[in-house]
Amino acid sequence: MGGVIGLGVIIAALQFLIGTYDRLVTLRNYIENAWAQIDVQLRRHYSARPGAEKLARVSPGQIRSAGSTCGRGLLGGRVDSTARRARPPTRCPES
């Protein structure tokens, strides 16, 4: 009888240790993924800076009259929701 109880305690301890190890590995992977996502966001932000700096150097008057045939300027096009870039308008609105 004592051997069965001892075997049960050993099995319970092994299950606890395996479960704890699995949880620690899961948390490590979660943290690595979180840092990878931060890295992606920082790279995306850094790659967007040259365009933002170029746009900041343009005066508002230049934006409005940047040669657009529709009179809507550089920012008059539709905005692409995935890339967040201004695209040229496909057709001019009727004036």
PDB file of N, CA and C in Angstrom:
ATOM      1  N   MET A   1       0.816  -1.192   0.000  1.00  0.00           N
ATOM      2  CA  MET A   1       0.000   0.000   0.000  1.00  0.00           C
ATOM      3  C   MET A   1       0.863   1.260   0.000  1.00  0.00           C
ATOM      4  N   GLY A   2       1.950   1.250   0.781  1.00  0.00           N
ATOM      5  CA  GLY A   2       2.843   2.401   0.858  1.00  0.00           C
ATOM      6  C   GLY A   2       3.546   2.667  -0.455  1.00  0.00           C
ATOM      7  N   GLY A   3       3.805   1.589  -1.219  1.00  0.00           N
ATOM      8  CA  GLY A   3       4.466   1.754  -2.518  1.00  0.00           C
ATOM      9  C   GLY A   3       3.568   2.423  -3.535  1.00  0.00           C
ATOM     10  N   VAL A   4       2.257   2.137  -3.471  1.00  0.00           N
ATOM     11  CA  VAL A   4       1.296   2.738  -4.400  1.00  0.00           C
ATOM     12  C   VAL A   4       1.164   4.227  -4.113  1.00  0.00           C
ATOM     13  N   ILE A   5       1.137   4.595  -2.845  1.00  0.00           N
ATOM     14  CA  ILE A   5       1.029   6.009  -2.470  1.00  0.00           C
ATOM     15  C   ILE A   5       2.301   6.755  -2.894  1.00  0.00           C
ATOM     16  N   GLY A   6       3.451   6.133  -2.662  1.00  0.00           N
ATOM     17  CA  GLY A   6       4.718   6.747  -3.066  1.00  0.00           C
ATOM     18  C   GLY A   6       4.788   6.936  -4.571  1.00  0.00           C
ATOM     19  N   LEU A   7       4.317   5.931  -5.329  1.00  0.00           N
ATOM     20  CA  LEU A   7       4.292   6.041  -6.793  1.00  0.00           C
ATOM     21  C   LEU A   7       3.344   7.160  -7.238  1.00  0.00           C
ATOM     22  N   GLY A   8       2.216   7.304  -6.562  1.00  0.00           N
ATOM     23  CA  GLY A   8       1.262   8.374  -6.881  1.00  0.00           C
ATOM     24  C   GLY A   8       1.855   9.750  -6.632  1.00  0.00           C
ATOM     25  N   VAL A   9       2.604   9.885  -5.532  1.00  0.00           N
ATOM     26  CA  VAL A   9       3.241  11.160  -5.210  1.00  0.00           C
ATOM     27  C   VAL A   9       4.306  11.492  -6.254  1.00  0.00           C
ATOM     28  N   ILE A  10       5.081  10.496  -6.667  1.00  0.00           N
ATOM     29  CA  ILE A  10       6.116  10.725  -7.686  1.00  0.00           C
ATOM     30  C   ILE A  10       5.481  11.131  -9.018  1.00  0.00           C
ATOM     31  N   ILE A  11       4.403  10.462  -9.410  1.00  0.00           N
ATOM     32  CA  ILE A  11       3.716  10.799 -10.669  1.00  0.00           C
ATOM     33  C   ILE A  11       3.139  12.212 -10.594  1.00  0.00           C
ATOM     34  N   ALA A  12       2.545  12.572  -9.453  1.00  0.00           N
ATOM     35  CA  ALA A  12       1.988  13.921  -9.297  1.00  0.00           C
ATOM     36  C   ALA A  12       3.088  14.976  -9.368  1.00  0.00           C
ATOM     37  N   ALA A  13       4.235  14.702  -8.755  1.00  0.00           N
ATOM     38  CA  ALA A  13       5.346  15.650  -8.789  1.00  0.00           C
ATOM     39  C   ALA A  13       5.879  15.808 -10.214  1.00  0.00           C
ATOM     40  N   LEU A  14       5.990  14.693 -10.954  1.00  0.00           N
ATOM     41  CA  LEU A  14       6.440  14.773 -12.346  1.00  0.00           C
ATOM     42  C   LEU A  14       5.457  15.567 -13.207  1.00  0.00           C
ATOM     43  N   GLN A  15       4.166  15.345 -12.993  1.00  0.00           N
ATOM     44  CA  GLN A  15       3.163  16.104 -13.753  1.00  0.00           C
ATOM     45  C   GLN A  15       3.265  17.592 -13.441  1.00  0.00           C
ATOM     46  N   PHE A  16       3.482  17.915 -12.178  1.00  0.00           N
ATOM     47  CA  PHE A  16       3.623  19.319 -11.789  1.00  0.00           C
ATOM     48  C   PHE A  16       4.850  19.945 -12.457  1.00  0.00           C
ATOM     49  N   LEU A  17       5.982  19.224 -12.441  1.00  0.00           N
ATOM     50  CA  LEU A  17       7.208  19.749 -13.037  1.00  0.00           C
ATOM     51  C   LEU A  17       7.070  19.903 -14.557  1.00  0.00           C
ATOM     52  N   ILE A  18       6.473  18.935 -15.219  1.00  0.00           N
ATOM     53  CA  ILE A  18       6.277  19.016 -16.668  1.00  0.00           C
ATOM     54  C   ILE A  18       5.332  20.165 -17.010  1.00  0.00           C
ATOM     55  N   GLY A  19       4.254  20.313 -16.257  1.00  0.00           N
ATOM     56  CA  GLY A  19       3.315  21.415 -16.489  1.00  0.00           C
ATOM     57  C   GLY A  19       3.948  22.776 -16.277  1.00  0.00           C
ATOM     58  N   THR A  20       4.779  22.890 -15.229  1.00  0.00           N
ATOM     59  CA  THR A  20       5.467  24.147 -14.951  1.00  0.00           C
ATOM     60  C   THR A  20       6.450  24.483 -16.074  1.00  0.00           C
ATOM     61  N   TYR A  21       7.202  23.492 -16.526  1.00  0.00           N
ATOM     62  CA  TYR A  21       8.154  23.704 -17.617  1.00  0.00           C
ATOM     63  C   TYR A  21       7.421  24.133 -18.887  1.00  0.00           C
ATOM     64  N   ASP A  22       6.313  23.471 -19.196  1.00  0.00           N
ATOM     65  CA  ASP A  22       5.550  23.812 -20.392  1.00  0.00           C
ATOM     66  C   ASP A  22       5.028  25.249 -20.310  1.00  0.00           C
ATOM     67  N   ARG A  23       4.560  25.647 -19.144  1.00  0.00           N
ATOM     68  CA  ARG A  23       4.058  27.011 -18.967  1.00  0.00           C
ATOM     69  C   ARG A  23       5.192  28.032 -19.131  1.00  0.00           C
ATOM     70  N   LEU A  24       6.374  27.730 -18.605  1.00  0.00           N
ATOM     71  CA  LEU A  24       7.501  28.644 -18.756  1.00  0.00           C
ATOM     72  C   LEU A  24       7.927  28.774 -20.217  1.00  0.00           C
ATOM     73  N   VAL A  25       7.928  27.681 -20.958  1.00  0.00           N
ATOM     74  CA  VAL A  25       8.279  27.732 -22.381  1.00  0.00           C
ATOM     75  C   VAL A  25       7.239  28.552 -23.144  1.00  0.00           C
ATOM     76  N   THR A  26       5.957  28.371 -22.809  1.00  0.00           N
ATOM     77  CA  THR A  26       4.890  29.142 -23.458  1.00  0.00           C
ATOM     78  C   THR A  26       5.071  30.635 -23.186  1.00  0.00           C
ATOM     79  N   LEU A  27       5.365  30.997 -21.950  1.00  0.00           N
ATOM     80  CA  LEU A  27       5.578  32.414 -21.620  1.00  0.00           C
ATOM     81  C   LEU A  27       6.808  32.974 -22.323  1.00  0.00           C
ATOM     82  N   ARG A  28       7.881  32.178 -22.435  1.00  0.00           N
ATOM     83  CA  ARG A  28       9.078  32.638 -23.146  1.00  0.00           C
ATOM     84  C   ARG A  28       8.758  32.930 -24.602  1.00  0.00           C
ATOM     85  N   ASN A  29       8.000  32.037 -25.245  1.00  0.00           N
ATOM     86  CA  ASN A  29       7.623  32.248 -26.645  1.00  0.00           C
ATOM     87  C   ASN A  29       6.722  33.468 -26.791  1.00  0.00           C
ATOM     88  N   TYR A  30       5.813  33.669 -25.845  1.00  0.00           N
ATOM     89  CA  TYR A  30       4.930  34.837 -25.861  1.00  0.00           C
ATOM     90  C   TYR A  30       5.746  36.127 -25.772  1.00  0.00           C
ATOM     91  N   ILE A  31       6.736  36.152 -24.894  1.00  0.00           N
ATOM     92  CA  ILE A  31       7.567  37.349 -24.723  1.00  0.00           C
ATOM     93  C   ILE A  31       8.417  37.597 -25.966  1.00  0.00           C
ATOM     94  N   GLU A  32       8.993  36.530 -26.544  1.00  0.00           N
ATOM     95  CA  GLU A  32       9.782  36.699 -27.768  1.00  0.00           C
ATOM     96  C   GLU A  32       8.927  37.240 -28.906  1.00  0.00           C
ATOM     97  N   ASN A  33       7.687  36.758 -29.010  1.00  0.00           N
ATOM     98  CA  ASN A  33       6.779  37.255 -30.040  1.00  0.00           C
ATOM     99  C   ASN A  33       6.425  38.722 -29.807  1.00  0.00           C
ATOM    100  N   ALA A  34       6.220  39.094 -28.554  1.00  0.00           N
ATOM    101  CA  ALA A  34       5.902  40.491 -28.244  1.00  0.00           C
ATOM    102  C   ALA A  34       7.058  41.416 -28.635  1.00  0.00           C
ATOM    103  N   TRP A  35       8.293  41.022 -28.333  1.00  0.00           N
ATOM    104  CA  TRP A  35       9.438  41.838 -28.717  1.00  0.00           C
ATOM    105  C   TRP A  35       9.596  41.892 -30.234  1.00  0.00           C
ATOM    106  N   ALA A  36       9.285  40.788 -30.908  1.00  0.00           N
ATOM    107  CA  ALA A  36       9.368  40.790 -32.377  1.00  0.00           C
ATOM    108  C   ALA A  36       8.354  41.768 -32.964  1.00  0.00           C
ATOM    109  N   GLN A  37       7.156  41.826 -32.384  1.00  0.00           N
ATOM    110  CA  GLN A  37       6.142  42.765 -32.870  1.00  0.00           C
ATOM    111  C   GLN A  37       6.572  44.207 -32.632  1.00  0.00           C
ATOM    112  N   ILE A  38       7.207  44.472 -31.495  1.00  0.00           N
ATOM    113  CA  ILE A  38       7.718  45.821 -31.227  1.00  0.00           C
ATOM    114  C   ILE A  38       8.789  46.178 -32.248  1.00  0.00           C
ATOM    115  N   ASP A  39       9.654  45.228 -32.570  1.00  0.00           N
ATOM    116  CA  ASP A  39      10.702  45.458 -33.559  1.00  0.00           C
ATOM    117  C   ASP A  39      10.106  45.786 -34.922  1.00  0.00           C
ATOM    118  N   VAL A  40       9.048  45.064 -35.301  1.00  0.00           N
ATOM    119  CA  VAL A  40       8.385  45.325 -36.583  1.00  0.00           C
ATOM    120  C   VAL A  40       7.801  46.735 -36.602  1.00  0.00           C
ATOM    121  N   GLN A  41       7.148  47.135 -35.521  1.00  0.00           N
ATOM    122  CA  GLN A  41       6.550  48.469 -35.461  1.00  0.00           C
ATOM    123  C   GLN A  41       7.624  49.555 -35.530  1.00  0.00           C
ATOM    124  N   LEU A  42       8.744  49.343 -34.841  1.00  0.00           N
ATOM    125  CA  LEU A  42       9.813  50.342 -34.889  1.00  0.00           C
ATOM    126  C   LEU A  42      10.424  50.441 -36.284  1.00  0.00           C
ATOM    127  N   ARG A  43      10.603  49.310 -36.949  1.00  0.00           N
ATOM    128  CA  ARG A  43      11.135  49.345 -38.317  1.00  0.00           C
ATOM    129  C   ARG A  43      10.157  50.039 -39.256  1.00  0.00           C
ATOM    130  N   ARG A  44       8.865  49.770 -39.092  1.00  0.00           N
ATOM    131  CA  ARG A  44       7.854  50.411 -39.936  1.00  0.00           C
ATOM    132  C   ARG A  44       7.844  51.917 -39.694  1.00  0.00           C
ATOM    133  N   HIS A  45       7.955  52.313 -38.438  1.00  0.00           N
ATOM    134  CA  HIS A  45       7.973  53.741 -38.106  1.00  0.00           C
ATOM    135  C   HIS A  45       9.222  54.406 -38.688  1.00  0.00           C
ATOM    136  N   TYR A  46      10.360  53.732 -38.573  1.00  0.00           N
ATOM    137  CA  TYR A  46      11.606  54.299 -39.076  1.00  0.00           C
ATOM    138  C   TYR A  46      11.572  54.425 -40.597  1.00  0.00           C
ATOM    139  N   SER A  47      10.978  53.441 -41.282  1.00  0.00           N
ATOM    140  CA  SER A  47      10.947  53.508 -42.744  1.00  0.00           C
ATOM    141  C   SER A  47       9.954  54.558 -43.237  1.00  0.00           C
ATOM    142  N   ALA A  48       9.008  54.966 -42.404  1.00  0.00           N
ATOM    143  CA  ALA A  48       8.039  55.985 -42.805  1.00  0.00           C
ATOM    144  C   ALA A  48       8.562  57.400 -42.577  1.00  0.00           C
ATOM    145  N   ARG A  49       9.628  57.545 -41.833  1.00  0.00           N
ATOM    146  CA  ARG A  49      10.134  58.886 -41.507  1.00  0.00           C
ATOM    147  C   ARG A  49      10.576  59.696 -42.708  1.00  0.00           C
ATOM    148  N   PRO A  50      11.295  59.148 -43.703  1.00  0.00           N
ATOM    149  CA  PRO A  50      11.720  60.004 -44.817  1.00  0.00           C
ATOM    150  C   PRO A  50      10.543  60.641 -45.546  1.00  0.00           C
ATOM    151  N   GLY A  51       9.470  59.911 -45.740  1.00  0.00           N
ATOM    152  CA  GLY A  51       8.296  60.478 -46.399  1.00  0.00           C
ATOM    153  C   GLY A  51       7.650  61.572 -45.569  1.00  0.00           C
ATOM    154  N   ALA A  52       7.610  61.375 -44.264  1.00  0.00           N
ATOM    155  CA  ALA A  52       7.010  62.378 -43.387  1.00  0.00           C
ATOM    156  C   ALA A  52       7.871  63.636 -43.350  1.00  0.00           C
ATOM    157  N   GLU A  53       9.180  63.462 -43.334  1.00  0.00           N
ATOM    158  CA  GLU A  53      10.063  64.634 -43.333  1.00  0.00           C
ATOM    159  C   GLU A  53       9.958  65.400 -44.642  1.00  0.00           C
ATOM    160  N   LYS A  54       9.831  64.669 -45.751  1.00  0.00           N
ATOM    161  CA  LYS A  54       9.689  65.324 -47.048  1.00  0.00           C
ATOM    162  C   LYS A  54       8.376  66.101 -47.107  1.00  0.00           C
ATOM    163  N   LEU A  55       7.310  65.516 -46.589  1.00  0.00           N
ATOM    164  CA  LEU A  55       6.018  66.184 -46.587  1.00  0.00           C
ATOM    165  C   LEU A  55       6.029  67.392 -45.659  1.00  0.00           C
ATOM    166  N   ALA A  56       6.772  67.307 -44.554  1.00  0.00           N
ATOM    167  CA  ALA A  56       6.835  68.424 -43.614  1.00  0.00           C
ATOM    168  C   ALA A  56       7.561  69.620 -44.219  1.00  0.00           C
ATOM    169  N   ARG A  57       8.468  69.385 -45.174  1.00  0.00           N
ATOM    170  CA  ARG A  57       9.184  70.484 -45.812  1.00  0.00           C
ATOM    171  C   ARG A  57       8.330  71.195 -46.854  1.00  0.00           C
ATOM    172  N   VAL A  58       7.230  70.591 -47.280  1.00  0.00           N
ATOM    173  CA  VAL A  58       6.365  71.180 -48.293  1.00  0.00           C
ATOM    174  C   VAL A  58       5.400  72.132 -47.599  1.00  0.00           C
ATOM    175  N   SER A  59       5.251  73.334 -48.148  1.00  0.00           N
ATOM    176  CA  SER A  59       4.341  74.296 -47.532  1.00  0.00           C
ATOM    177  C   SER A  59       2.900  73.943 -47.884  1.00  0.00           C
ATOM    178  N   PRO A  60       1.933  74.400 -47.084  1.00  0.00           N
ATOM    179  CA  PRO A  60       0.530  74.102 -47.371  1.00  0.00           C
ATOM    180  C   PRO A  60       0.080  74.588 -48.747  1.00  0.00           C
ATOM    181  N   GLY A  61       0.629  75.717 -49.207  1.00  0.00           N
ATOM    182  CA  GLY A  61       0.271  76.209 -50.537  1.00  0.00           C
ATOM    183  C   GLY A  61       0.735  75.269 -51.632  1.00  0.00           C
ATOM    184  N   GLN A  62       1.903  74.673 -51.446  1.00  0.00           N
ATOM    185  CA  GLN A  62       2.396  73.718 -52.428  1.00  0.00           C
ATOM    186  C   GLN A  62       1.556  72.450 -52.428  1.00  0.00           C
ATOM    187  N   ILE A  63       1.061  72.068 -51.282  1.00  0.00           N
ATOM    188  CA  ILE A  63       0.230  70.862 -51.206  1.00  0.00           C
ATOM    189  C   ILE A  63      -1.067  71.081 -51.980  1.00  0.00           C
ATOM    190  N   ARG A  64      -1.670  72.257 -51.827  1.00  0.00           N
ATOM    191  CA  ARG A  64      -2.938  72.523 -52.502  1.00  0.00           C
ATOM    192  C   ARG A  64      -2.781  72.660 -54.010  1.00  0.00           C
ATOM    193  N   SER A  65      -1.643  73.174 -54.463  1.00  0.00           N
ATOM    194  CA  SER A  65      -1.495  73.414 -55.891  1.00  0.00           C
ATOM    195  C   SER A  65      -0.333  72.633 -56.483  1.00  0.00           C
ATOM    196  N   ALA A  66      -0.250  71.372 -56.205  1.00  0.00           N
ATOM    197  CA  ALA A  66       0.897  70.575 -56.646  1.00  0.00           C
ATOM    198  C   ALA A  66       0.670  69.973 -58.018  1.00  0.00           C
ATOM    199  N   GLY A  67      -0.046  70.659 -58.875  1.00  0.00           N
ATOM    200  CA  GLY A  67      -0.208  70.185 -60.234  1.00  0.00           C
ATOM    201  C   GLY A  67      -1.310  69.165 -60.408  1.00  0.00           C
ATOM    202  N   SER A  68      -2.191  69.060 -59.437  1.00  0.00           N
ATOM    203  CA  SER A  68      -3.291  68.121 -59.575  1.00  0.00           C
ATOM    204  C   SER A  68      -4.307  68.680 -60.555  1.00  0.00           C
ATOM    205  N   THR A  69      -4.749  67.849 -61.477  1.00  0.00           N
ATOM    206  CA  THR A  69      -5.740  68.314 -62.450  1.00  0.00           C
ATOM    207  C   THR A  69      -7.086  68.542 -61.804  1.00  0.00           C
ATOM    208  N   CYS A  70      -7.294  67.932 -60.665  1.00  0.00           N
ATOM    209  CA  CYS A  70      -8.574  68.103 -59.975  1.00  0.00           C
ATOM    210  C   CYS A  70      -8.521  69.239 -58.971  1.00  0.00           C
ATOM    211  N   GLY A  71      -7.350  69.826 -58.776  1.00  0.00           N
ATOM    212  CA  GLY A  71      -7.232  70.923 -57.820  1.00  0.00           C
ATOM    213  C   GLY A  71      -7.198  70.462 -56.380  1.00  0.00           C
ATOM    214  N   ARG A  72      -6.976  69.153 -56.163  1.00  0.00           N
ATOM    215  CA  ARG A  72      -6.965  68.663 -54.798  1.00  0.00           C
ATOM    216  C   ARG A  72      -5.547  68.500 -54.261  1.00  0.00           C
ATOM    217  N   GLY A  73      -4.534  68.677 -55.056  1.00  0.00           N
ATOM    218  CA  GLY A  73      -3.157  68.689 -54.584  1.00  0.00           C
ATOM    219  C   GLY A  73      -2.599  67.319 -54.273  1.00  0.00           C
ATOM    220  N   LEU A  74      -1.475  67.317 -53.547  1.00  0.00           N
ATOM    221  CA  LEU A  74      -0.766  66.077 -53.238  1.00  0.00           C
ATOM    222  C   LEU A  74      -1.599  65.127 -52.396  1.00  0.00           C
ATOM    223  N   LEU A  75      -2.343  65.663 -51.452  1.00  0.00           N
ATOM    224  CA  LEU A  75      -3.091  64.818 -50.539  1.00  0.00           C
ATOM    225  C   LEU A  75      -4.537  64.647 -50.967  1.00  0.00           C
ATOM    226  N   GLY A  76      -4.860  65.012 -52.191  1.00  0.00           N
ATOM    227  CA  GLY A  76      -6.242  64.947 -52.627  1.00  0.00           C
ATOM    228  C   GLY A  76      -6.710  63.576 -53.044  1.00  0.00           C
ATOM    229  N   GLY A  77      -5.811  62.655 -53.226  1.00  0.00           N
ATOM    230  CA  GLY A  77      -6.204  61.318 -53.655  1.00  0.00           C
ATOM    231  C   GLY A  77      -6.806  60.524 -52.520  1.00  0.00           C
ATOM    232  N   ARG A  78      -7.306  59.354 -52.892  1.00  0.00           N
ATOM    233  CA  ARG A  78      -7.846  58.467 -51.870  1.00  0.00           C
ATOM    234  C   ARG A  78      -6.685  57.918 -51.055  1.00  0.00           C
ATOM    235  N   VAL A  79      -6.961  57.523 -49.831  1.00  0.00           N
ATOM    236  CA  VAL A  79      -5.928  56.969 -48.977  1.00  0.00           C
ATOM    237  C   VAL A  79      -6.092  55.457 -48.965  1.00  0.00           C
ATOM    238  N   ASP A  80      -5.007  54.768 -49.265  1.00  0.00           N
ATOM    239  CA  ASP A  80      -5.006  53.317 -49.245  1.00  0.00           C
ATOM    240  C   ASP A  80      -4.972  52.874 -47.783  1.00  0.00           C
ATOM    241  N   SER A  81      -5.980  52.126 -47.343  1.00  0.00           N
ATOM    242  CA  SER A  81      -6.083  51.794 -45.930  1.00  0.00           C
ATOM    243  C   SER A  81      -4.997  50.838 -45.470  1.00  0.00           C
ATOM    244  N   THR A  82      -4.436  50.022 -46.360  1.00  0.00           N
ATOM    245  CA  THR A  82      -3.412  49.076 -45.924  1.00  0.00           C
ATOM    246  C   THR A  82      -2.054  49.738 -45.833  1.00  0.00           C
ATOM    247  N   ALA A  83      -1.714  50.580 -46.762  1.00  0.00           N
ATOM    248  CA  ALA A  83      -0.380  51.180 -46.765  1.00  0.00           C
ATOM    249  C   ALA A  83      -0.382  52.596 -46.215  1.00  0.00           C
ATOM    250  N   ARG A  84      -1.537  53.200 -46.030  1.00  0.00           N
ATOM    251  CA  ARG A  84      -1.649  54.571 -45.530  1.00  0.00           C
ATOM    252  C   ARG A  84      -0.887  55.554 -46.402  1.00  0.00           C
ATOM    253  N   ARG A  85      -0.932  55.342 -47.716  1.00  0.00           N
ATOM    254  CA  ARG A  85      -0.280  56.252 -48.652  1.00  0.00           C
ATOM    255  C   ARG A  85      -1.350  56.929 -49.491  1.00  0.00           C
ATOM    256  N   ALA A  86      -1.109  58.156 -49.834  1.00  0.00           N
ATOM    257  CA  ALA A  86      -2.037  58.864 -50.702  1.00  0.00           C
ATOM    258  C   ALA A  86      -1.858  58.355 -52.122  1.00  0.00           C
ATOM    259  N   ARG A  87      -2.960  58.008 -52.743  1.00  0.00           N
ATOM    260  CA  ARG A  87      -2.918  57.571 -54.137  1.00  0.00           C
ATOM    261  C   ARG A  87      -3.557  58.659 -54.996  1.00  0.00           C
ATOM    262  N   PRO A  88      -3.158  58.776 -56.236  1.00  0.00           N
ATOM    263  CA  PRO A  88      -3.780  59.779 -57.090  1.00  0.00           C
ATOM    264  C   PRO A  88      -5.245  59.434 -57.315  1.00  0.00           C
ATOM    265  N   PRO A  89      -6.093  60.451 -57.453  1.00  0.00           N
ATOM    266  CA  PRO A  89      -7.510  60.176 -57.674  1.00  0.00           C
ATOM    267  C   PRO A  89      -7.712  59.488 -59.022  1.00  0.00           C
ATOM    268  N   THR A  90      -8.705  58.618 -59.079  1.00  0.00           N
ATOM    269  CA  THR A  90      -8.951  57.903 -60.312  1.00  0.00           C
ATOM    270  C   THR A  90      -9.743  58.770 -61.301  1.00  0.00           C
ATOM    271  N   ARG A  91     -10.564  59.637 -60.775  1.00  0.00           N
ATOM    272  CA  ARG A  91     -11.285  60.558 -61.660  1.00  0.00           C
ATOM    273  C   ARG A  91     -11.537  61.842 -60.898  1.00  0.00           C
ATOM    274  N   CYS A  92     -11.719  62.925 -61.626  1.00  0.00           N
ATOM    275  CA  CYS A  92     -11.954  64.219 -60.997  1.00  0.00           C
ATOM    276  C   CYS A  92     -13.433  64.340 -60.627  1.00  0.00           C
ATOM    277  N   PRO A  93     -13.713  64.899 -59.441  1.00  0.00           N
ATOM    278  CA  PRO A  93     -15.107  65.152 -59.116  1.00  0.00           C
ATOM    279  C   PRO A  93     -15.620  66.321 -59.960  1.00  0.00           C
ATOM    280  N   GLU A  94     -16.872  66.284 -60.266  1.00  0.00           N
ATOM    281  CA  GLU A  94     -17.475  67.352 -61.088  1.00  0.00           C
ATOM    282  C   GLU A  94     -17.502  68.641 -60.279  1.00  0.00           C
ATOM    283  N   SER A  95     -17.062  69.742 -60.877  1.00  0.00           N
ATOM    284  CA  SER A  95     -17.030  71.027 -60.185  1.00  0.00           C
ATOM    285  C   SER A  95     -18.321  71.776 -60.366  1.00  0.00           C
TER     286      SER A  95
END
